[in-house]
Amino acid sequence: MATATRRTTARRTRGPLKGRALVAIGLAVFLGVATSVVWRRSQGVATQRAINRILEETRTLRAQQKTLENDLRMATSRRRVVPEAQRRLGMIRPAEMQTRFIATDSGAASVVADTLPVP
């Protein structure tokens, strides 16, 4: 019978992390950092798009506001109101013969228009 020889392998004493474990942890950390950088940049791009959309909407609304203010100014101008009042309401501007100046106690003169028809 042959005697079996035992191989006694000396166990290597390893520290907590060596070799492949360190490489795996390093790759995992790199992957995490790279993923967070890509996510942050994509969030920044999305935010910039939203800001650009809001700025464009603001410019559009300001232009619309100016247009509406101009329309309001034109609609309330005396040049438009007087003919429209004459047409719709039959109002007329009193002639000089129909206007009287009445002095008040304070000495200021006020204008009173008679409602008599023009002869």
PDB file of N, CA and C in Angstrom:
ATOM      1  N   MET A   1       0.792  -1.157   0.000  1.00  0.00           N
ATOM      2  CA  MET A   1       0.000   0.000   0.000  1.00  0.00           C
ATOM      3  C   MET A   1       0.850   1.241   0.000  1.00  0.00           C
ATOM      4  N   ALA A   2       0.388   2.069  -0.702  1.00  0.00           N
ATOM      5  CA  ALA A   2       1.143   3.299  -0.787  1.00  0.00           C
ATOM      6  C   ALA A   2       0.624   4.259   0.251  1.00  0.00           C
ATOM      7  N   THR A   3       1.516   4.862   0.785  1.00  0.00           N
ATOM      8  CA  THR A   3       1.102   5.851   1.766  1.00  0.00           C
ATOM      9  C   THR A   3       0.728   7.143   1.060  1.00  0.00           C
ATOM     10  N   ALA A   4      -0.364   7.551   1.470  1.00  0.00           N
ATOM     11  CA  ALA A   4      -0.842   8.793   0.881  1.00  0.00           C
ATOM     12  C   ALA A   4      -0.142   9.959   1.541  1.00  0.00           C
ATOM     13  N   THR A   5       0.337  10.729   0.710  1.00  0.00           N
ATOM     14  CA  THR A   5       1.005  11.907   1.256  1.00  0.00           C
ATOM     15  C   THR A   5       0.014  13.059   1.270  1.00  0.00           C
ATOM     16  N   ARG A   6       0.024  13.582   2.329  1.00  0.00           N
ATOM     17  CA  ARG A   6      -0.840  14.753   2.448  1.00  0.00           C
ATOM     18  C   ARG A   6      -0.093  16.007   2.057  1.00  0.00           C
ATOM     19  N   ARG A   7      -0.820  16.716   1.311  1.00  0.00           N
ATOM     20  CA  ARG A   7      -0.231  18.004   0.983  1.00  0.00           C
ATOM     21  C   ARG A   7      -0.717  18.988   2.016  1.00  0.00           C
ATOM     22  N   THR A   8       0.124  19.541   2.568  1.00  0.00           N
ATOM     23  CA  THR A   8      -0.256  20.577   3.513  1.00  0.00           C
ATOM     24  C   THR A   8      -0.005  21.911   2.833  1.00  0.00           C
ATOM     25  N   THR A   9      -1.073  22.526   2.615  1.00  0.00           N
ATOM     26  CA  THR A   9      -0.944  23.836   1.984  1.00  0.00           C
ATOM     27  C   THR A   9      -0.998  24.881   3.074  1.00  0.00           C
ATOM     28  N   ALA A  10      -0.111  25.690   2.967  1.00  0.00           N
ATOM     29  CA  ALA A  10      -0.084  26.772   3.943  1.00  0.00           C
ATOM     30  C   ALA A  10      -1.159  27.775   3.531  1.00  0.00           C
ATOM     31  N   ARG A  11      -2.044  28.015   4.429  1.00  0.00           N
ATOM     32  CA  ARG A  11      -3.087  28.998   4.136  1.00  0.00           C
ATOM     33  C   ARG A  11      -2.481  30.394   4.158  1.00  0.00           C
ATOM     34  N   ARG A  12      -2.823  31.035   3.129  1.00  0.00           N
ATOM     35  CA  ARG A  12      -2.343  32.415   3.096  1.00  0.00           C
ATOM     36  C   ARG A  12      -3.230  33.227   4.024  1.00  0.00           C
ATOM     37  N   THR A  13      -2.615  34.020   4.723  1.00  0.00           N
ATOM     38  CA  THR A  13      -3.408  34.903   5.584  1.00  0.00           C
ATOM     39  C   THR A  13      -3.683  36.172   4.794  1.00  0.00           C
ATOM     40  N   ARG A  14      -4.926  36.363   4.568  1.00  0.00           N
ATOM     41  CA  ARG A  14      -5.320  37.545   3.801  1.00  0.00           C
ATOM     42  C   ARG A  14      -5.897  38.570   4.740  1.00  0.00           C
ATOM     43  N   GLY A  15      -5.705  39.811   4.327  1.00  0.00           N
ATOM     44  CA  GLY A  15      -6.306  40.913   5.074  1.00  0.00           C
ATOM     45  C   GLY A  15      -7.782  40.987   4.693  1.00  0.00           C
ATOM     46  N   PRO A  16      -8.469  41.986   5.187  1.00  0.00           N
ATOM     47  CA  PRO A  16      -9.888  42.086   4.893  1.00  0.00           C
ATOM     48  C   PRO A  16     -10.173  42.225   3.396  1.00  0.00           C
ATOM     49  N   LEU A  17      -9.418  43.001   2.672  1.00  0.00           N
ATOM     50  CA  LEU A  17      -9.651  43.193   1.234  1.00  0.00           C
ATOM     51  C   LEU A  17      -8.312  43.176   0.509  1.00  0.00           C
ATOM     52  N   LYS A  18      -8.215  42.275  -0.447  1.00  0.00           N
ATOM     53  CA  LYS A  18      -7.008  42.225  -1.275  1.00  0.00           C
ATOM     54  C   LYS A  18      -7.384  41.741  -2.657  1.00  0.00           C
ATOM     55  N   GLY A  19      -6.579  42.062  -3.602  1.00  0.00           N
ATOM     56  CA  GLY A  19      -6.678  41.510  -4.934  1.00  0.00           C
ATOM     57  C   GLY A  19      -7.968  41.847  -5.671  1.00  0.00           C
ATOM     58  N   ARG A  20      -8.686  40.802  -6.065  1.00  0.00           N
ATOM     59  CA  ARG A  20      -9.871  40.941  -6.891  1.00  0.00           C
ATOM     60  C   ARG A  20     -10.977  41.730  -6.189  1.00  0.00           C
ATOM     61  N   ALA A  21     -11.078  41.578  -4.903  1.00  0.00           N
ATOM     62  CA  ALA A  21     -12.115  42.299  -4.161  1.00  0.00           C
ATOM     63  C   ALA A  21     -11.905  43.804  -4.277  1.00  0.00           C
ATOM     64  N   LEU A  22     -10.661  44.234  -4.184  1.00  0.00           N
ATOM     65  CA  LEU A  22     -10.372  45.673  -4.322  1.00  0.00           C
ATOM     66  C   LEU A  22     -10.710  46.160  -5.734  1.00  0.00           C
ATOM     67  N   VAL A  23     -10.386  45.369  -6.739  1.00  0.00           N
ATOM     68  CA  VAL A  23     -10.683  45.745  -8.117  1.00  0.00           C
ATOM     69  C   VAL A  23     -12.199  45.827  -8.297  1.00  0.00           C
ATOM     70  N   ALA A  24     -12.938  44.852  -7.775  1.00  0.00           N
ATOM     71  CA  ALA A  24     -14.399  44.850  -7.899  1.00  0.00           C
ATOM     72  C   ALA A  24     -15.001  46.057  -7.198  1.00  0.00           C
ATOM     73  N   ILE A  25     -14.527  46.371  -6.018  1.00  0.00           N
ATOM     74  CA  ILE A  25     -15.035  47.542  -5.288  1.00  0.00           C
ATOM     75  C   ILE A  25     -14.698  48.824  -6.040  1.00  0.00           C
ATOM     76  N   GLY A  26     -13.484  48.905  -6.569  1.00  0.00           N
ATOM     77  CA  GLY A  26     -13.086  50.083  -7.345  1.00  0.00           C
ATOM     78  C   GLY A  26     -13.966  50.264  -8.573  1.00  0.00           C
ATOM     79  N   LEU A  27     -14.251  49.172  -9.276  1.00  0.00           N
ATOM     80  CA  LEU A  27     -15.130  49.254 -10.443  1.00  0.00           C
ATOM     81  C   LEU A  27     -16.552  49.644 -10.042  1.00  0.00           C
ATOM     82  N   ALA A  28     -17.037  49.123  -8.941  1.00  0.00           N
ATOM     83  CA  ALA A  28     -18.378  49.471  -8.474  1.00  0.00           C
ATOM     84  C   ALA A  28     -18.456  50.951  -8.118  1.00  0.00           C
ATOM     85  N   VAL A  29     -17.428  51.461  -7.450  1.00  0.00           N
ATOM     86  CA  VAL A  29     -17.407  52.885  -7.095  1.00  0.00           C
ATOM     87  C   VAL A  29     -17.354  53.738  -8.362  1.00  0.00           C
ATOM     88  N   PHE A  30     -16.514  53.355  -9.303  1.00  0.00           N
ATOM     89  CA  PHE A  30     -16.425  54.082 -10.565  1.00  0.00           C
ATOM     90  C   PHE A  30     -17.767  54.083 -11.294  1.00  0.00           C
ATOM     91  N   LEU A  31     -18.414  52.933 -11.342  1.00  0.00           N
ATOM     92  CA  LEU A  31     -19.711  52.822 -11.993  1.00  0.00           C
ATOM     93  C   LEU A  31     -20.743  53.717 -11.301  1.00  0.00           C
ATOM     94  N   GLY A  32     -20.735  53.746  -9.978  1.00  0.00           N
ATOM     95  CA  GLY A  32     -21.664  54.605  -9.234  1.00  0.00           C
ATOM     96  C   GLY A  32     -21.422  56.083  -9.512  1.00  0.00           C
ATOM     97  N   VAL A  33     -20.161  56.485  -9.506  1.00  0.00           N
ATOM     98  CA  VAL A  33     -19.819  57.886  -9.760  1.00  0.00           C
ATOM     99  C   VAL A  33     -20.178  58.264 -11.200  1.00  0.00           C
ATOM    100  N   ALA A  34     -19.848  57.412 -12.153  1.00  0.00           N
ATOM    101  CA  ALA A  34     -20.158  57.703 -13.548  1.00  0.00           C
ATOM    102  C   ALA A  34     -21.665  57.794 -13.762  1.00  0.00           C
ATOM    103  N   THR A  35     -22.408  56.894 -13.137  1.00  0.00           N
ATOM    104  CA  THR A  35     -23.861  56.932 -13.254  1.00  0.00           C
ATOM    105  C   THR A  35     -24.425  58.213 -12.668  1.00  0.00           C
ATOM    106  N   SER A  36     -23.920  58.624 -11.513  1.00  0.00           N
ATOM    107  CA  SER A  36     -24.431  59.861 -10.890  1.00  0.00           C
ATOM    108  C   SER A  36     -24.079  61.087 -11.728  1.00  0.00           C
ATOM    109  N   VAL A  37     -22.915  61.095 -12.358  1.00  0.00           N
ATOM    110  CA  VAL A  37     -22.532  62.232 -13.211  1.00  0.00           C
ATOM    111  C   VAL A  37     -23.450  62.305 -14.428  1.00  0.00           C
ATOM    112  N   VAL A  38     -23.717  61.180 -15.066  1.00  0.00           N
ATOM    113  CA  VAL A  38     -24.593  61.164 -16.228  1.00  0.00           C
ATOM    114  C   VAL A  38     -25.999  61.582 -15.828  1.00  0.00           C
ATOM    115  N   TRP A  39     -26.493  61.098 -14.696  1.00  0.00           N
ATOM    116  CA  TRP A  39     -27.837  61.465 -14.228  1.00  0.00           C
ATOM    117  C   TRP A  39     -27.935  62.960 -13.942  1.00  0.00           C
ATOM    118  N   ARG A  40     -26.890  63.493 -13.271  1.00  0.00           N
ATOM    119  CA  ARG A  40     -26.886  64.916 -12.953  1.00  0.00           C
ATOM    120  C   ARG A  40     -26.874  65.761 -14.218  1.00  0.00           C
ATOM    121  N   ARG A  41     -26.108  65.375 -15.209  1.00  0.00           N
ATOM    122  CA  ARG A  41     -26.069  66.128 -16.469  1.00  0.00           C
ATOM    123  C   ARG A  41     -27.399  66.049 -17.197  1.00  0.00           C
ATOM    124  N   SER A  42     -28.024  64.877 -17.182  1.00  0.00           N
ATOM    125  CA  SER A  42     -29.323  64.763 -17.858  1.00  0.00           C
ATOM    126  C   SER A  42     -30.371  65.592 -17.134  1.00  0.00           C
ATOM    127  N   GLN A  43     -30.307  65.665 -15.822  1.00  0.00           N
ATOM    128  CA  GLN A  43     -31.217  66.527 -15.068  1.00  0.00           C
ATOM    129  C   GLN A  43     -30.960  67.997 -15.400  1.00  0.00           C
ATOM    130  N   GLY A  44     -29.698  68.371 -15.545  1.00  0.00           N
ATOM    131  CA  GLY A  44     -29.349  69.745 -15.915  1.00  0.00           C
ATOM    132  C   GLY A  44     -29.869  70.113 -17.292  1.00  0.00           C
ATOM    133  N   VAL A  45     -29.754  69.189 -18.240  1.00  0.00           N
ATOM    134  CA  VAL A  45     -30.259  69.441 -19.594  1.00  0.00           C
ATOM    135  C   VAL A  45     -31.775  69.599 -19.573  1.00  0.00           C
ATOM    136  N   ALA A  46     -32.460  68.730 -18.818  1.00  0.00           N
ATOM    137  CA  ALA A  46     -33.926  68.820 -18.724  1.00  0.00           C
ATOM    138  C   ALA A  46     -34.342  70.141 -18.079  1.00  0.00           C
ATOM    139  N   THR A  47     -33.621  70.549 -17.049  1.00  0.00           N
ATOM    140  CA  THR A  47     -33.929  71.815 -16.372  1.00  0.00           C
ATOM    141  C   THR A  47     -33.697  72.994 -17.310  1.00  0.00           C
ATOM    142  N   GLN A  48     -32.615  72.950 -18.093  1.00  0.00           N
ATOM    143  CA  GLN A  48     -32.332  74.030 -19.034  1.00  0.00           C
ATOM    144  C   GLN A  48     -33.411  74.117 -20.098  1.00  0.00           C
ATOM    145  N   ARG A  49     -33.899  72.986 -20.562  1.00  0.00           N
ATOM    146  CA  ARG A  49     -34.989  72.996 -21.541  1.00  0.00           C
ATOM    147  C   ARG A  49     -36.240  73.633 -20.946  1.00  0.00           C
ATOM    148  N   ALA A  50     -36.539  73.297 -19.697  1.00  0.00           N
ATOM    149  CA  ALA A  50     -37.712  73.875 -19.031  1.00  0.00           C
ATOM    150  C   ALA A  50     -37.543  75.389 -18.874  1.00  0.00           C
ATOM    151  N   ILE A  51     -36.350  75.821 -18.511  1.00  0.00           N
ATOM    152  CA  ILE A  51     -36.083  77.259 -18.350  1.00  0.00           C
ATOM    153  C   ILE A  51     -36.239  77.974 -19.694  1.00  0.00           C
ATOM    154  N   ASN A  52     -35.689  77.386 -20.757  1.00  0.00           N
ATOM    155  CA  ASN A  52     -35.810  78.001 -22.086  1.00  0.00           C
ATOM    156  C   ASN A  52     -37.270  78.090 -22.514  1.00  0.00           C
ATOM    157  N   ARG A  53     -38.053  77.040 -22.233  1.00  0.00           N
ATOM    158  CA  ARG A  53     -39.473  77.053 -22.592  1.00  0.00           C
ATOM    159  C   ARG A  53     -40.209  78.160 -21.827  1.00  0.00           C
ATOM    160  N   ILE A  54     -39.899  78.303 -20.538  1.00  0.00           N
ATOM    161  CA  ILE A  54     -40.552  79.335 -19.722  1.00  0.00           C
ATOM    162  C   ILE A  54     -40.135  80.731 -20.188  1.00  0.00           C
ATOM    163  N   LEU A  55     -38.870  80.911 -20.526  1.00  0.00           N
ATOM    164  CA  LEU A  55     -38.421  82.218 -21.019  1.00  0.00           C
ATOM    165  C   LEU A  55     -39.096  82.570 -22.342  1.00  0.00           C
ATOM    166  N   GLU A  56     -39.236  81.587 -23.222  1.00  0.00           N
ATOM    167  CA  GLU A  56     -39.917  81.839 -24.497  1.00  0.00           C
ATOM    168  C   GLU A  56     -41.383  82.188 -24.256  1.00  0.00           C
ATOM    169  N   GLU A  57     -42.007  81.482 -23.331  1.00  0.00           N
ATOM    170  CA  GLU A  57     -43.404  81.776 -23.002  1.00  0.00           C
ATOM    171  C   GLU A  57     -43.529  83.174 -22.402  1.00  0.00           C
ATOM    172  N   THR A  58     -42.552  83.552 -21.571  1.00  0.00           N
ATOM    173  CA  THR A  58     -42.557  84.896 -20.983  1.00  0.00           C
ATOM    174  C   THR A  58     -42.437  85.961 -22.073  1.00  0.00           C
ATOM    175  N   ARG A  59     -41.536  85.738 -23.024  1.00  0.00           N
ATOM    176  CA  ARG A  59     -41.387  86.699 -24.125  1.00  0.00           C
ATOM    177  C   ARG A  59     -42.671  86.801 -24.940  1.00  0.00           C
ATOM    178  N   THR A  60     -43.293  85.670 -25.186  1.00  0.00           N
ATOM    179  CA  THR A  60     -44.543  85.666 -25.946  1.00  0.00           C
ATOM    180  C   THR A  60     -45.633  86.421 -25.196  1.00  0.00           C
ATOM    181  N   LEU A  61     -45.739  86.161 -23.893  1.00  0.00           N
ATOM    182  CA  LEU A  61     -46.776  86.832 -23.097  1.00  0.00           C
ATOM    183  C   LEU A  61     -46.528  88.332 -22.996  1.00  0.00           C
ATOM    184  N   ARG A  62     -45.265  88.746 -22.904  1.00  0.00           N
ATOM    185  CA  ARG A  62     -44.965  90.182 -22.848  1.00  0.00           C
ATOM    186  C   ARG A  62     -45.325  90.861 -24.165  1.00  0.00           C
ATOM    187  N   ALA A  63     -45.033  90.194 -25.272  1.00  0.00           N
ATOM    188  CA  ALA A  63     -45.402  90.763 -26.576  1.00  0.00           C
ATOM    189  C   ALA A  63     -46.920  90.850 -26.697  1.00  0.00           C
ATOM    190  N   GLN A  64     -47.609  89.827 -26.227  1.00  0.00           N
ATOM    191  CA  GLN A  64     -49.075  89.842 -26.261  1.00  0.00           C
ATOM    192  C   GLN A  64     -49.622  90.947 -25.366  1.00  0.00           C
ATOM    193  N   GLN A  65     -48.995  91.151 -24.198  1.00  0.00           N
ATOM    194  CA  GLN A  65     -49.431  92.212 -23.283  1.00  0.00           C
ATOM    195  C   GLN A  65     -49.270  93.581 -23.942  1.00  0.00           C
ATOM    196  N   LYS A  66     -48.140  93.797 -24.608  1.00  0.00           N
ATOM    197  CA  LYS A  66     -47.926  95.087 -25.282  1.00  0.00           C
ATOM    198  C   LYS A  66     -48.970  95.294 -26.383  1.00  0.00           C
ATOM    199  N   THR A  67     -49.264  94.229 -27.124  1.00  0.00           N
ATOM    200  CA  THR A  67     -50.277  94.338 -28.177  1.00  0.00           C
ATOM    201  C   THR A  67     -51.630  94.690 -27.578  1.00  0.00           C
ATOM    202  N   LEU A  68     -51.985  94.023 -26.488  1.00  0.00           N
ATOM    203  CA  LEU A  68     -53.271  94.306 -25.847  1.00  0.00           C
ATOM    204  C   LEU A  68     -53.318  95.713 -25.256  1.00  0.00           C
ATOM    205  N   GLU A  69     -52.206  96.167 -24.685  1.00  0.00           N
ATOM    206  CA  GLU A  69     -52.170  97.537 -24.160  1.00  0.00           C
ATOM    207  C   GLU A  69     -52.348  98.552 -25.283  1.00  0.00           C
ATOM    208  N   ASN A  70     -51.705  98.309 -26.420  1.00  0.00           N
ATOM    209  CA  ASN A  70     -51.868  99.213 -27.566  1.00  0.00           C
ATOM    210  C   ASN A  70     -53.309  99.192 -28.074  1.00  0.00           C
ATOM    211  N   ASP A  71     -53.899  97.993 -28.149  1.00  0.00           N
ATOM    212  CA  ASP A  71     -55.295  97.894 -28.572  1.00  0.00           C
ATOM    213  C   ASP A  71     -56.212  98.636 -27.606  1.00  0.00           C
ATOM    214  N   LEU A  72     -55.961  98.496 -26.311  1.00  0.00           N
ATOM    215  CA  LEU A  72     -56.771  99.191 -25.305  1.00  0.00           C
ATOM    216  C   LEU A  72     -56.607 100.697 -25.424  1.00  0.00           C
ATOM    217  N   ARG A  73     -55.379 101.142 -25.619  1.00  0.00           N
ATOM    218  CA  ARG A  73     -55.118 102.572 -25.760  1.00  0.00           C
ATOM    219  C   ARG A  73     -55.839 103.127 -26.983  1.00  0.00           C
ATOM    220  N   MET A  74     -55.798 102.373 -28.070  1.00  0.00           N
ATOM    221  CA  MET A  74     -56.486 102.821 -29.282  1.00  0.00           C
ATOM    222  C   MET A  74     -58.003 102.792 -29.093  1.00  0.00           C
ATOM    223  N   ALA A  75     -58.528 101.778 -28.415  1.00  0.00           N
ATOM    224  CA  ALA A  75     -59.980 101.652 -28.241  1.00  0.00           C
ATOM    225  C   ALA A  75     -60.529 102.718 -27.306  1.00  0.00           C
ATOM    226  N   THR A  76     -59.726 103.179 -26.368  1.00  0.00           N
ATOM    227  CA  THR A  76     -60.211 104.184 -25.420  1.00  0.00           C
ATOM    228  C   THR A  76     -59.783 105.598 -25.790  1.00  0.00           C
ATOM    229  N   SER A  77     -59.173 105.755 -26.956  1.00  0.00           N
ATOM    230  CA  SER A  77     -58.760 107.097 -27.346  1.00  0.00           C
ATOM    231  C   SER A  77     -59.985 107.922 -27.725  1.00  0.00           C
ATOM    232  N   ARG A  78     -59.853 109.195 -27.568  1.00  0.00           N
ATOM    233  CA  ARG A  78     -60.958 110.117 -27.863  1.00  0.00           C
ATOM    234  C   ARG A  78     -61.350 110.030 -29.337  1.00  0.00           C
ATOM    235  N   ARG A  79     -60.397 109.767 -30.177  1.00  0.00           N
ATOM    236  CA  ARG A  79     -60.638 109.683 -31.611  1.00  0.00           C
ATOM    237  C   ARG A  79     -61.643 108.561 -31.942  1.00  0.00           C
ATOM    238  N   ARG A  80     -61.641 107.495 -31.157  1.00  0.00           N
ATOM    239  CA  ARG A  80     -62.576 106.393 -31.399  1.00  0.00           C
ATOM    240  C   ARG A  80     -63.830 106.482 -30.538  1.00  0.00           C
ATOM    241  N   VAL A  81     -63.692 106.965 -29.317  1.00  0.00           N
ATOM    242  CA  VAL A  81     -64.828 106.976 -28.395  1.00  0.00           C
ATOM    243  C   VAL A  81     -65.892 107.979 -28.842  1.00  0.00           C
ATOM    244  N   VAL A  82     -65.483 109.174 -29.265  1.00  0.00           N
ATOM    245  CA  VAL A  82     -66.446 110.214 -29.634  1.00  0.00           C
ATOM    246  C   VAL A  82     -67.314 109.783 -30.823  1.00  0.00           C
ATOM    247  N   PRO A  83     -66.760 109.314 -31.927  1.00  0.00           N
ATOM    248  CA  PRO A  83     -67.633 108.886 -33.029  1.00  0.00           C
ATOM    249  C   PRO A  83     -68.533 107.704 -32.638  1.00  0.00           C
ATOM    250  N   GLU A  84     -68.028 106.798 -31.820  1.00  0.00           N
ATOM    251  CA  GLU A  84     -68.836 105.652 -31.409  1.00  0.00           C
ATOM    252  C   GLU A  84     -69.978 106.093 -30.499  1.00  0.00           C
ATOM    253  N   ALA A  85     -69.720 107.036 -29.614  1.00  0.00           N
ATOM    254  CA  ALA A  85     -70.775 107.558 -28.741  1.00  0.00           C
ATOM    255  C   ALA A  85     -71.823 108.316 -29.572  1.00  0.00           C
ATOM    256  N   GLN A  86     -71.377 109.032 -30.554  1.00  0.00           N
ATOM    257  CA  GLN A  86     -72.326 109.738 -31.410  1.00  0.00           C
ATOM    258  C   GLN A  86     -73.173 108.753 -32.216  1.00  0.00           C
ATOM    259  N   ARG A  87     -72.558 107.687 -32.677  1.00  0.00           N
ATOM    260  CA  ARG A  87     -73.284 106.719 -33.498  1.00  0.00           C
ATOM    261  C   ARG A  87     -74.238 105.875 -32.653  1.00  0.00           C
ATOM    262  N   ARG A  88     -73.753 105.328 -31.557  1.00  0.00           N
ATOM    263  CA  ARG A  88     -74.575 104.404 -30.755  1.00  0.00           C
ATOM    264  C   ARG A  88     -75.585 105.118 -29.869  1.00  0.00           C
ATOM    265  N   LEU A  89     -75.141 106.168 -29.206  1.00  0.00           N
ATOM    266  CA  LEU A  89     -75.967 106.816 -28.191  1.00  0.00           C
ATOM    267  C   LEU A  89     -76.629 108.094 -28.681  1.00  0.00           C
ATOM    268  N   GLY A  90     -76.286 108.540 -29.865  1.00  0.00           N
ATOM    269  CA  GLY A  90     -76.872 109.763 -30.392  1.00  0.00           C
ATOM    270  C   GLY A  90     -76.351 111.002 -29.672  1.00  0.00           C
ATOM    271  N   MET A  91     -75.211 110.902 -29.048  1.00  0.00           N
ATOM    272  CA  MET A  91     -74.645 112.044 -28.330  1.00  0.00           C
ATOM    273  C   MET A  91     -74.015 112.996 -29.339  1.00  0.00           C
ATOM    274  N   ILE A  92     -74.149 114.277 -29.038  1.00  0.00           N
ATOM    275  CA  ILE A  92     -73.521 115.267 -29.900  1.00  0.00           C
ATOM    276  C   ILE A  92     -72.691 116.188 -29.034  1.00  0.00           C
ATOM    277  N   ARG A  93     -71.732 116.779 -29.652  1.00  0.00           N
ATOM    278  CA  ARG A  93     -70.895 117.732 -28.955  1.00  0.00           C
ATOM    279  C   ARG A  93     -71.607 119.076 -29.007  1.00  0.00           C
ATOM    280  N   PRO A  94     -71.774 119.748 -27.875  1.00  0.00           N
ATOM    281  CA  PRO A  94     -72.516 121.012 -27.894  1.00  0.00           C
ATOM    282  C   PRO A  94     -71.768 122.097 -28.673  1.00  0.00           C
ATOM    283  N   ALA A  95     -72.534 122.881 -29.379  1.00  0.00           N
ATOM    284  CA  ALA A  95     -71.948 124.000 -30.118  1.00  0.00           C
ATOM    285  C   ALA A  95     -71.669 125.125 -29.124  1.00  0.00           C
ATOM    286  N   GLU A  96     -71.000 126.164 -29.597  1.00  0.00           N
ATOM    287  CA  GLU A  96     -70.680 127.278 -28.702  1.00  0.00           C
ATOM    288  C   GLU A  96     -71.922 127.986 -28.215  1.00  0.00           C
ATOM    289  N   MET A  97     -72.958 127.985 -29.014  1.00  0.00           N
ATOM    290  CA  MET A  97     -74.201 128.636 -28.614  1.00  0.00           C
ATOM    291  C   MET A  97     -74.872 127.867 -27.470  1.00  0.00           C
ATOM    292  N   GLN A  98     -74.567 126.590 -27.356  1.00  0.00           N
ATOM    293  CA  GLN A  98     -75.207 125.767 -26.340  1.00  0.00           C
ATOM    294  C   GLN A  98     -74.384 125.679 -25.058  1.00  0.00           C
ATOM    295  N   THR A  99     -73.282 126.354 -24.995  1.00  0.00           N
ATOM    296  CA  THR A  99     -72.397 126.262 -23.839  1.00  0.00           C
ATOM    297  C   THR A  99     -72.474 127.547 -23.037  1.00  0.00           C
ATOM    298  N   ARG A 100     -72.595 127.403 -21.724  1.00  0.00           N
ATOM    299  CA  ARG A 100     -72.615 128.568 -20.836  1.00  0.00           C
ATOM    300  C   ARG A 100     -71.514 128.410 -19.797  1.00  0.00           C
ATOM    301  N   PHE A 101     -70.918 129.507 -19.446  1.00  0.00           N
ATOM    302  CA  PHE A 101     -69.929 129.513 -18.382  1.00  0.00           C
ATOM    303  C   PHE A 101     -70.593 130.077 -17.138  1.00  0.00           C
ATOM    304  N   ILE A 102     -70.566 129.321 -16.061  1.00  0.00           N
ATOM    305  CA  ILE A 102     -71.190 129.756 -14.812  1.00  0.00           C
ATOM    306  C   ILE A 102     -70.095 129.888 -13.771  1.00  0.00           C
ATOM    307  N   ALA A 103     -70.037 131.062 -13.156  1.00  0.00           N
ATOM    308  CA  ALA A 103     -69.031 131.293 -12.124  1.00  0.00           C
ATOM    309  C   ALA A 103     -69.556 130.769 -10.796  1.00  0.00           C
ATOM    310  N   THR A 104     -68.709 130.109 -10.039  1.00  0.00           N
ATOM    311  CA  THR A 104     -69.086 129.603  -8.715  1.00  0.00           C
ATOM    312  C   THR A 104     -68.556 130.551  -7.661  1.00  0.00           C
ATOM    313  N   ASP A 105     -68.847 130.262  -6.410  1.00  0.00           N
ATOM    314  CA  ASP A 105     -68.403 131.128  -5.309  1.00  0.00           C
ATOM    315  C   ASP A 105     -66.882 131.174  -5.206  1.00  0.00           C
ATOM    316  N   SER A 106     -66.228 130.125  -5.591  1.00  0.00           N
ATOM    317  CA  SER A 106     -64.768 130.094  -5.467  1.00  0.00           C
ATOM    318  C   SER A 106     -64.095 130.902  -6.572  1.00  0.00           C
ATOM    319  N   GLY A 107     -64.858 131.356  -7.520  1.00  0.00           N
ATOM    320  CA  GLY A 107     -64.297 132.182  -8.568  1.00  0.00           C
ATOM    321  C   GLY A 107     -63.907 131.380  -9.801  1.00  0.00           C
ATOM    322  N   ALA A 108     -63.916 130.056  -9.708  1.00  0.00           N
ATOM    323  CA  ALA A 108     -63.568 129.238 -10.878  1.00  0.00           C
ATOM    324  C   ALA A 108     -64.801 129.100 -11.761  1.00  0.00           C
ATOM    325  N   ALA A 109     -64.587 129.144 -13.032  1.00  0.00           N
ATOM    326  CA  ALA A 109     -65.698 129.025 -13.968  1.00  0.00           C
ATOM    327  C   ALA A 109     -65.868 127.567 -14.361  1.00  0.00           C
ATOM    328  N   SER A 110     -67.117 127.099 -14.419  1.00  0.00           N
ATOM    329  CA  SER A 110     -67.382 125.744 -14.882  1.00  0.00           C
ATOM    330  C   SER A 110     -68.237 125.834 -16.134  1.00  0.00           C
ATOM    331  N   VAL A 111     -68.155 124.807 -16.957  1.00  0.00           N
ATOM    332  CA  VAL A 111     -68.866 124.802 -18.227  1.00  0.00           C
ATOM    333  C   VAL A 111     -70.096 123.927 -18.077  1.00  0.00           C
ATOM    334  N   VAL A 112     -71.233 124.437 -18.482  1.00  0.00           N
ATOM    335  CA  VAL A 112     -72.480 123.681 -18.473  1.00  0.00           C
ATOM    336  C   VAL A 112     -73.008 123.693 -19.884  1.00  0.00           C
ATOM    337  N   ALA A 113     -73.343 122.536 -20.409  1.00  0.00           N
ATOM    338  CA  ALA A 113     -73.870 122.453 -21.776  1.00  0.00           C
ATOM    339  C   ALA A 113     -75.373 122.284 -21.706  1.00  0.00           C
ATOM    340  N   ASP A 114     -76.078 123.100 -22.469  1.00  0.00           N
ATOM    341  CA  ASP A 114     -77.538 122.939 -22.570  1.00  0.00           C
ATOM    342  C   ASP A 114     -77.832 121.729 -23.432  1.00  0.00           C
ATOM    343  N   THR A 115     -78.997 121.159 -23.243  1.00  0.00           N
ATOM    344  CA  THR A 115     -79.361 119.999 -24.033  1.00  0.00           C
ATOM    345  C   THR A 115     -80.351 120.383 -25.132  1.00  0.00           C
ATOM    346  N   LEU A 116     -80.419 121.666 -25.461  1.00  0.00           N
ATOM    347  CA  LEU A 116     -81.315 122.112 -26.511  1.00  0.00           C
ATOM    348  C   LEU A 116     -80.783 121.681 -27.869  1.00  0.00           C
ATOM    349  N   PRO A 117     -81.648 121.303 -28.759  1.00  0.00           N
ATOM    350  CA  PRO A 117     -81.182 120.912 -30.096  1.00  0.00           C
ATOM    351  C   PRO A 117     -80.623 122.107 -30.838  1.00  0.00           C
ATOM    352  N   VAL A 118     -79.708 121.839 -31.730  1.00  0.00           N
ATOM    353  CA  VAL A 118     -79.099 122.888 -32.512  1.00  0.00           C
ATOM    354  C   VAL A 118     -80.086 123.337 -33.571  1.00  0.00           C
ATOM    355  N   PRO A 119     -80.315 124.698 -33.710  1.00  0.00           N
ATOM    356  CA  PRO A 119     -81.309 125.184 -34.688  1.00  0.00           C
ATOM    357  C   PRO A 119     -80.826 125.055 -36.101  1.00  0.00           C
TER     358      PRO A 119
END
